PDB file of N, CA and C in Angstrom:
ATOM      1  N   MET A   1       8.702  10.060  -3.296  1.00  0.00           N
ATOM      2  CA  MET A   1       9.609   9.198  -2.560  1.00  0.00           C
ATOM      3  C   MET A   1       8.827   8.348  -1.545  1.00  0.00           C
ATOM      4  N   VAL A   2       7.817   8.976  -0.952  1.00  0.00           N
ATOM      5  CA  VAL A   2       7.018   8.253   0.041  1.00  0.00           C
ATOM      6  C   VAL A   2       6.255   7.112  -0.634  1.00  0.00           C
ATOM      7  N   LYS A   3       5.726   7.385  -1.839  1.00  0.00           N
ATOM      8  CA  LYS A   3       5.002   6.329  -2.554  1.00  0.00           C
ATOM      9  C   LYS A   3       5.923   5.150  -2.862  1.00  0.00           C
ATOM     10  N   PHE A   4       7.154   5.462  -3.237  1.00  0.00           N
ATOM     11  CA  PHE A   4       8.100   4.396  -3.538  1.00  0.00           C
ATOM     12  C   PHE A   4       8.416   3.577  -2.290  1.00  0.00           C
ATOM     13  N   LEU A   5       8.603   4.238  -1.167  1.00  0.00           N
ATOM     14  CA  LEU A   5       8.877   3.518   0.079  1.00  0.00           C
ATOM     15  C   LEU A   5       7.693   2.654   0.499  1.00  0.00           C
ATOM     16  N   LEU A   6       6.484   3.189   0.326  1.00  0.00           N
ATOM     17  CA  LEU A   6       5.298   2.386   0.635  1.00  0.00           C
ATOM     18  C   LEU A   6       5.194   1.178  -0.291  1.00  0.00           C
ATOM     19  N   TRP A   7       5.559   1.384  -1.563  1.00  0.00           N
ATOM     20  CA  TRP A   7       5.531   0.264  -2.486  1.00  0.00           C
ATOM     21  C   TRP A   7       6.574  -0.788  -2.093  1.00  0.00           C
ATOM     22  N   LEU A   8       7.730  -0.348  -1.650  1.00  0.00           N
ATOM     23  CA  LEU A   8       8.751  -1.301  -1.205  1.00  0.00           C
ATOM     24  C   LEU A   8       8.282  -2.107   0.001  1.00  0.00           C
ATOM     25  N   ILE A   9       7.609  -1.445   0.937  1.00  0.00           N
ATOM     26  CA  ILE A   9       7.069  -2.156   2.098  1.00  0.00           C
ATOM     27  C   ILE A   9       6.029  -3.175   1.644  1.00  0.00           C
ATOM     28  N   LEU A  10       5.154  -2.758   0.706  1.00  0.00           N
ATOM     29  CA  LEU A  10       4.162  -3.684   0.173  1.00  0.00           C
ATOM     30  C   LEU A  10       4.841  -4.836  -0.557  1.00  0.00           C
ATOM     31  N   PHE A  11       5.923  -4.543  -1.272  1.00  0.00           N
ATOM     32  CA  PHE A  11       6.652  -5.589  -1.993  1.00  0.00           C
ATOM     33  C   PHE A  11       7.251  -6.614  -1.034  1.00  0.00           C
ATOM     34  N   ILE A  12       7.731  -6.133   0.089  1.00  0.00           N
ATOM     35  CA  ILE A  12       8.305  -7.044   1.083  1.00  0.00           C
ATOM     36  C   ILE A  12       7.212  -7.892   1.734  1.00  0.00           C
ATOM     37  N   LEU A  13       6.067  -7.264   2.018  1.00  0.00           N
ATOM     38  CA  LEU A  13       5.003  -7.991   2.705  1.00  0.00           C
ATOM     39  C   LEU A  13       4.235  -8.928   1.786  1.00  0.00           C
ATOM     40  N   CYS A  14       3.925  -8.438   0.583  1.00  0.00           N
ATOM     41  CA  CYS A  14       3.116  -9.249  -0.332  1.00  0.00           C
ATOM     42  C   CYS A  14       3.518  -8.907  -1.761  1.00  0.00           C
ATOM     43  N   TRP A  15       4.497  -9.586  -2.294  1.00  0.00           N
ATOM     44  CA  TRP A  15       5.046  -9.221  -3.597  1.00  0.00           C
ATOM     45  C   TRP A  15       4.079  -9.392  -4.758  1.00  0.00           C
ATOM     46  N   PRO A  16       3.162 -10.382  -4.752  1.00  0.00           N
ATOM     47  CA  PRO A  16       2.237 -10.439  -5.897  1.00  0.00           C
ATOM     48  C   PRO A  16       1.323  -9.215  -5.970  1.00  0.00           C
ATOM     49  N   LEU A  17       0.862  -8.757  -4.821  1.00  0.00           N
ATOM     50  CA  LEU A  17       0.009  -7.570  -4.806  1.00  0.00           C
ATOM     51  C   LEU A  17       0.780  -6.334  -5.235  1.00  0.00           C
ATOM     52  N   ALA A  18       2.034  -6.234  -4.854  1.00  0.00           N
ATOM     53  CA  ALA A  18       2.864  -5.094  -5.253  1.00  0.00           C
ATOM     54  C   ALA A  18       3.098  -5.098  -6.760  1.00  0.00           C
ATOM     55  N   LEU A  19       3.345  -6.253  -7.331  1.00  0.00           N
ATOM     56  CA  LEU A  19       3.538  -6.325  -8.782  1.00  0.00           C
ATOM     57  C   LEU A  19       2.245  -6.027  -9.529  1.00  0.00           C
ATOM     58  N   LEU A  20       1.114  -6.468  -8.986  1.00  0.00           N
ATOM     59  CA  LEU A  20      -0.177  -6.159  -9.594  1.00  0.00           C
ATOM     60  C   LEU A  20      -0.441  -4.658  -9.557  1.00  0.00           C
ATOM     61  N   ALA A  21      -0.114  -4.026  -8.438  1.00  0.00           N
ATOM     62  CA  ALA A  21      -0.282  -2.570  -8.337  1.00  0.00           C
ATOM     63  C   ALA A  21       0.630  -1.856  -9.320  1.00  0.00           C
ATOM     64  N   LEU A  22       1.829  -2.368  -9.501  1.00  0.00           N
ATOM     65  CA  LEU A  22       2.778  -1.766 -10.436  1.00  0.00           C
ATOM     66  C   LEU A  22       2.277  -1.855 -11.872  1.00  0.00           C
ATOM     67  N   VAL A  23       1.608  -2.939 -12.210  1.00  0.00           N
ATOM     68  CA  VAL A  23       1.086  -3.113 -13.567  1.00  0.00           C
ATOM     69  C   VAL A  23      -0.192  -2.306 -13.771  1.00  0.00           C
ATOM     70  N   LEU A  24      -1.061  -2.264 -12.765  1.00  0.00           N
ATOM     71  CA  LEU A  24      -2.358  -1.604 -12.919  1.00  0.00           C
ATOM     72  C   LEU A  24      -2.296  -0.089 -12.789  1.00  0.00           C
ATOM     73  N   TYR A  25      -1.260   0.455 -12.164  1.00  0.00           N
ATOM     74  CA  TYR A  25      -1.196   1.903 -11.944  1.00  0.00           C
ATOM     75  C   TYR A  25      -1.271   2.705 -13.245  1.00  0.00           C
ATOM     76  N   PRO A  26      -0.497   2.377 -14.287  1.00  0.00           N
ATOM     77  CA  PRO A  26      -0.616   3.163 -15.527  1.00  0.00           C
ATOM     78  C   PRO A  26      -1.978   3.019 -16.199  1.00  0.00           C
ATOM     79  N   ILE A  27      -2.581   1.847 -16.091  1.00  0.00           N
ATOM     80  CA  ILE A  27      -3.900   1.645 -16.702  1.00  0.00           C
ATOM     81  C   ILE A  27      -4.949   2.496 -16.003  1.00  0.00           C
ATOM     82  N   VAL A  28      -4.928   2.513 -14.691  1.00  0.00           N
ATOM     83  CA  VAL A  28      -5.877   3.337 -13.932  1.00  0.00           C
ATOM     84  C   VAL A  28      -5.630   4.813 -14.213  1.00  0.00           C
ATOM     85  N   TRP A  29      -4.361   5.204 -14.337  1.00  0.00           N
ATOM     86  CA  TRP A  29      -4.036   6.605 -14.629  1.00  0.00           C
ATOM     87  C   TRP A  29      -4.609   7.010 -15.986  1.00  0.00           C
ATOM     88  N   LEU A  30      -4.493   6.137 -16.980  1.00  0.00           N
ATOM     89  CA  LEU A  30      -5.041   6.434 -18.306  1.00  0.00           C
ATOM     90  C   LEU A  30      -6.565   6.496 -18.295  1.00  0.00           C
ATOM     91  N   ILE A  31      -7.197   5.654 -17.508  1.00  0.00           N
ATOM     92  CA  ILE A  31      -8.661   5.675 -17.424  1.00  0.00           C
ATOM     93  C   ILE A  31      -9.141   6.961 -16.768  1.00  0.00           C
ATOM     94  N   LEU A  32      -8.427   7.449 -15.753  1.00  0.00           N
ATOM     95  CA  LEU A  32      -8.854   8.643 -15.031  1.00  0.00           C
ATOM     96  C   LEU A  32      -8.444   9.948 -15.710  1.00  0.00           C
ATOM     97  N   LEU A  33      -7.584   9.896 -16.707  1.00  0.00           N
ATOM     98  CA  LEU A  33      -7.106  11.101 -17.379  1.00  0.00           C
ATOM     99  C   LEU A  33      -8.219  11.953 -17.987  1.00  0.00           C
ATOM    100  N   PRO A  34      -9.209  11.388 -18.688  1.00  0.00           N
ATOM    101  CA  PRO A  34     -10.287  12.236 -19.222  1.00  0.00           C
ATOM    102  C   PRO A  34     -11.055  12.982 -18.126  1.00  0.00           C
ATOM    103  N   PHE A  35     -11.229  12.372 -16.977  1.00  0.00           N
ATOM    104  CA  PHE A  35     -11.940  13.046 -15.897  1.00  0.00           C
ATOM    105  C   PHE A  35     -11.144  14.239 -15.379  1.00  0.00           C
ATOM    106  N   ARG A  36      -9.818  14.127 -15.353  1.00  0.00           N
ATOM    107  CA  ARG A  36      -8.988  15.257 -14.948  1.00  0.00           C
ATOM    108  C   ARG A  36      -9.103  16.389 -15.956  1.00  0.00           C
ATOM    109  N   ILE A  37      -9.087  16.054 -17.240  1.00  0.00           N
ATOM    110  CA  ILE A  37      -9.200  17.073 -18.282  1.00  0.00           C
ATOM    111  C   ILE A  37     -10.553  17.772 -18.196  1.00  0.00           C
ATOM    112  N   VAL A  38     -11.614  17.016 -17.993  1.00  0.00           N
ATOM    113  CA  VAL A  38     -12.948  17.612 -17.838  1.00  0.00           C
ATOM    114  C   VAL A  38     -12.993  18.500 -16.597  1.00  0.00           C
ATOM    115  N   GLY A  39     -12.358  18.077 -15.517  1.00  0.00           N
ATOM    116  CA  GLY A  39     -12.325  18.881 -14.303  1.00  0.00           C
ATOM    117  C   GLY A  39     -11.613  20.205 -14.516  1.00  0.00           C
ATOM    118  N   ILE A  40     -10.517  20.188 -15.252  1.00  0.00           N
ATOM    119  CA  ILE A  40      -9.801  21.425 -15.548  1.00  0.00           C
ATOM    120  C   ILE A  40     -10.662  22.340 -16.412  1.00  0.00           C
ATOM    121  N   ALA A  41     -11.334  21.770 -17.413  1.00  0.00           N
ATOM    122  CA  ALA A  41     -12.187  22.568 -18.299  1.00  0.00           C
ATOM    123  C   ALA A  41     -13.364  23.173 -17.531  1.00  0.00           C
ATOM    124  N   VAL A  42     -14.007  22.385 -16.686  1.00  0.00           N
ATOM    125  CA  VAL A  42     -15.139  22.903 -15.904  1.00  0.00           C
ATOM    126  C   VAL A  42     -14.673  23.987 -14.940  1.00  0.00           C
ATOM    127  N   GLY A  43     -13.516  23.795 -14.333  1.00  0.00           N
ATOM    128  CA  GLY A  43     -12.968  24.824 -13.451  1.00  0.00           C
ATOM    129  C   GLY A  43     -12.697  26.118 -14.195  1.00  0.00           C
ATOM    130  N   GLY A  44     -12.179  26.022 -15.407  1.00  0.00           N
ATOM    131  CA  GLY A  44     -11.935  27.218 -16.218  1.00  0.00           C
ATOM    132  C   GLY A  44     -13.216  27.937 -16.587  1.00  0.00           C
ATOM    133  N   VAL A  45     -14.240  27.177 -16.952  1.00  0.00           N
ATOM    134  CA  VAL A  45     -15.531  27.792 -17.297  1.00  0.00           C
ATOM    135  C   VAL A  45     -16.139  28.486 -16.085  1.00  0.00           C
ATOM    136  N   LEU A  46     -16.059  27.863 -14.925  1.00  0.00           N
ATOM    137  CA  LEU A  46     -16.599  28.484 -13.712  1.00  0.00           C
ATOM    138  C   LEU A  46     -15.829  29.747 -13.340  1.00  0.00           C
ATOM    139  N   GLU A  47     -14.511  29.750 -13.517  1.00  0.00           N
ATOM    140  CA  GLU A  47     -13.716  30.958 -13.258  1.00  0.00           C
ATOM    141  C   GLU A  47     -14.122  32.065 -14.219  1.00  0.00           C
ATOM    142  N   LEU A  48     -14.341  31.729 -15.492  1.00  0.00           N
ATOM    143  CA  LEU A  48     -14.758  32.721 -16.479  1.00  0.00           C
ATOM    144  C   LEU A  48     -16.124  33.298 -16.138  1.00  0.00           C
ATOM    145  N   LEU A  49     -17.067  32.447 -15.767  1.00  0.00           N
ATOM    146  CA  LEU A  49     -18.397  32.933 -15.385  1.00  0.00           C
ATOM    147  C   LEU A  49     -18.322  33.846 -14.164  1.00  0.00           C
ATOM    148  N   TRP A  50     -17.502  33.478 -13.188  1.00  0.00           N
ATOM    149  CA  TRP A  50     -17.354  34.305 -11.997  1.00  0.00           C
ATOM    150  C   TRP A  50     -16.757  35.669 -12.357  1.00  0.00           C
ATOM    151  N   ALA A  51     -15.795  35.674 -13.251  1.00  0.00           N
ATOM    152  CA  ALA A  51     -15.178  36.933 -13.673  1.00  0.00           C
ATOM    153  C   ALA A  51     -16.180  37.809 -14.413  1.00  0.00           C
ATOM    154  N   VAL A  52     -17.009  37.205 -15.269  1.00  0.00           N
ATOM    155  CA  VAL A  52     -18.009  37.979 -16.014  1.00  0.00           C
ATOM    156  C   VAL A  52     -19.080  38.528 -15.072  1.00  0.00           C
ATOM    157  N   LEU A  53     -19.504  37.729 -14.106  1.00  0.00           N
ATOM    158  CA  LEU A  53     -20.554  38.175 -13.188  1.00  0.00           C
ATOM    159  C   LEU A  53     -20.066  39.247 -12.220  1.00  0.00           C
ATOM    160  N   THR A  54     -18.822  39.225 -11.838  1.00  0.00           N
ATOM    161  CA  THR A  54     -18.319  40.218 -10.890  1.00  0.00           C
ATOM    162  C   THR A  54     -17.670  41.420 -11.571  1.00  0.00           C
ATOM    163  N   LEU A  55     -17.643  41.433 -12.915  1.00  0.00           N
ATOM    164  CA  LEU A  55     -17.020  42.549 -13.629  1.00  0.00           C
ATOM    165  C   LEU A  55     -17.700  43.882 -13.353  1.00  0.00           C
ATOM    166  N   PRO A  56     -19.040  43.990 -13.388  1.00  0.00           N
ATOM    167  CA  PRO A  56     -19.651  45.298 -13.109  1.00  0.00           C
ATOM    168  C   PRO A  56     -19.331  45.820 -11.705  1.00  0.00           C
ATOM    169  N   ALA A  57     -19.321  44.950 -10.732  1.00  0.00           N
ATOM    170  CA  ALA A  57     -19.025  45.376  -9.387  1.00  0.00           C
ATOM    171  C   ALA A  57     -17.576  45.842  -9.281  1.00  0.00           C
ATOM    172  N   ARG A  58     -16.677  45.186  -9.971  1.00  0.00           N
ATOM    173  CA  ARG A  58     -15.282  45.602  -9.922  1.00  0.00           C
ATOM    174  C   ARG A  58     -15.083  46.918 -10.666  1.00  0.00           C
ATOM    175  N   LEU A  59     -15.818  47.120 -11.749  1.00  0.00           N
ATOM    176  CA  LEU A  59     -15.670  48.382 -12.488  1.00  0.00           C
ATOM    177  C   LEU A  59     -16.252  49.556 -11.693  1.00  0.00           C
ATOM    178  N   LEU A  60     -17.376  49.346 -11.029  1.00  0.00           N
ATOM    179  CA  LEU A  60     -17.990  50.417 -10.235  1.00  0.00           C
ATOM    180  C   LEU A  60     -17.227  50.665  -8.945  1.00  0.00           C
ATOM    181  N   GLY A  61     -16.573  49.657  -8.449  1.00  0.00           N
ATOM    182  CA  GLY A  61     -15.864  49.785  -7.185  1.00  0.00           C
ATOM    183  C   GLY A  61     -14.497  50.437  -7.310  1.00  0.00           C
ATOM    184  N   SER A  62     -13.924  50.446  -8.508  1.00  0.00           N
ATOM    185  CA  SER A  62     -12.581  51.026  -8.648  1.00  0.00           C
ATOM    186  C   SER A  62     -12.650  52.534  -8.667  1.00  0.00           C
ATOM    187  N   LYS A  63     -11.743  53.190  -7.951  1.00  0.00           N
ATOM    188  CA  LYS A  63     -11.732  54.653  -7.884  1.00  0.00           C
ATOM    189  C   LYS A  63     -10.405  55.148  -8.480  1.00  0.00           C
ATOM    190  N   ALA A  64     -10.189  54.868  -9.748  1.00  0.00           N
ATOM    191  CA  ALA A  64      -8.930  55.255 -10.395  1.00  0.00           C
ATOM    192  C   ALA A  64      -8.975  56.611 -11.038  1.00  0.00           C
TER     193      ALA A  64
END
């Protein structure tokens, strides 16, 4: 909602720039999408490595 209100303010102040932002937003989102996917994949790999490296300590530390 805040983004929409900011866009409305921009539209009132400078409508050509607001329309340009409205057109370019989906294009920029599509360009940045692969980087988000890579970020999620790298985060998953790092979580897996952390889990594998801390597994012996967690197994030795549990007193079940």
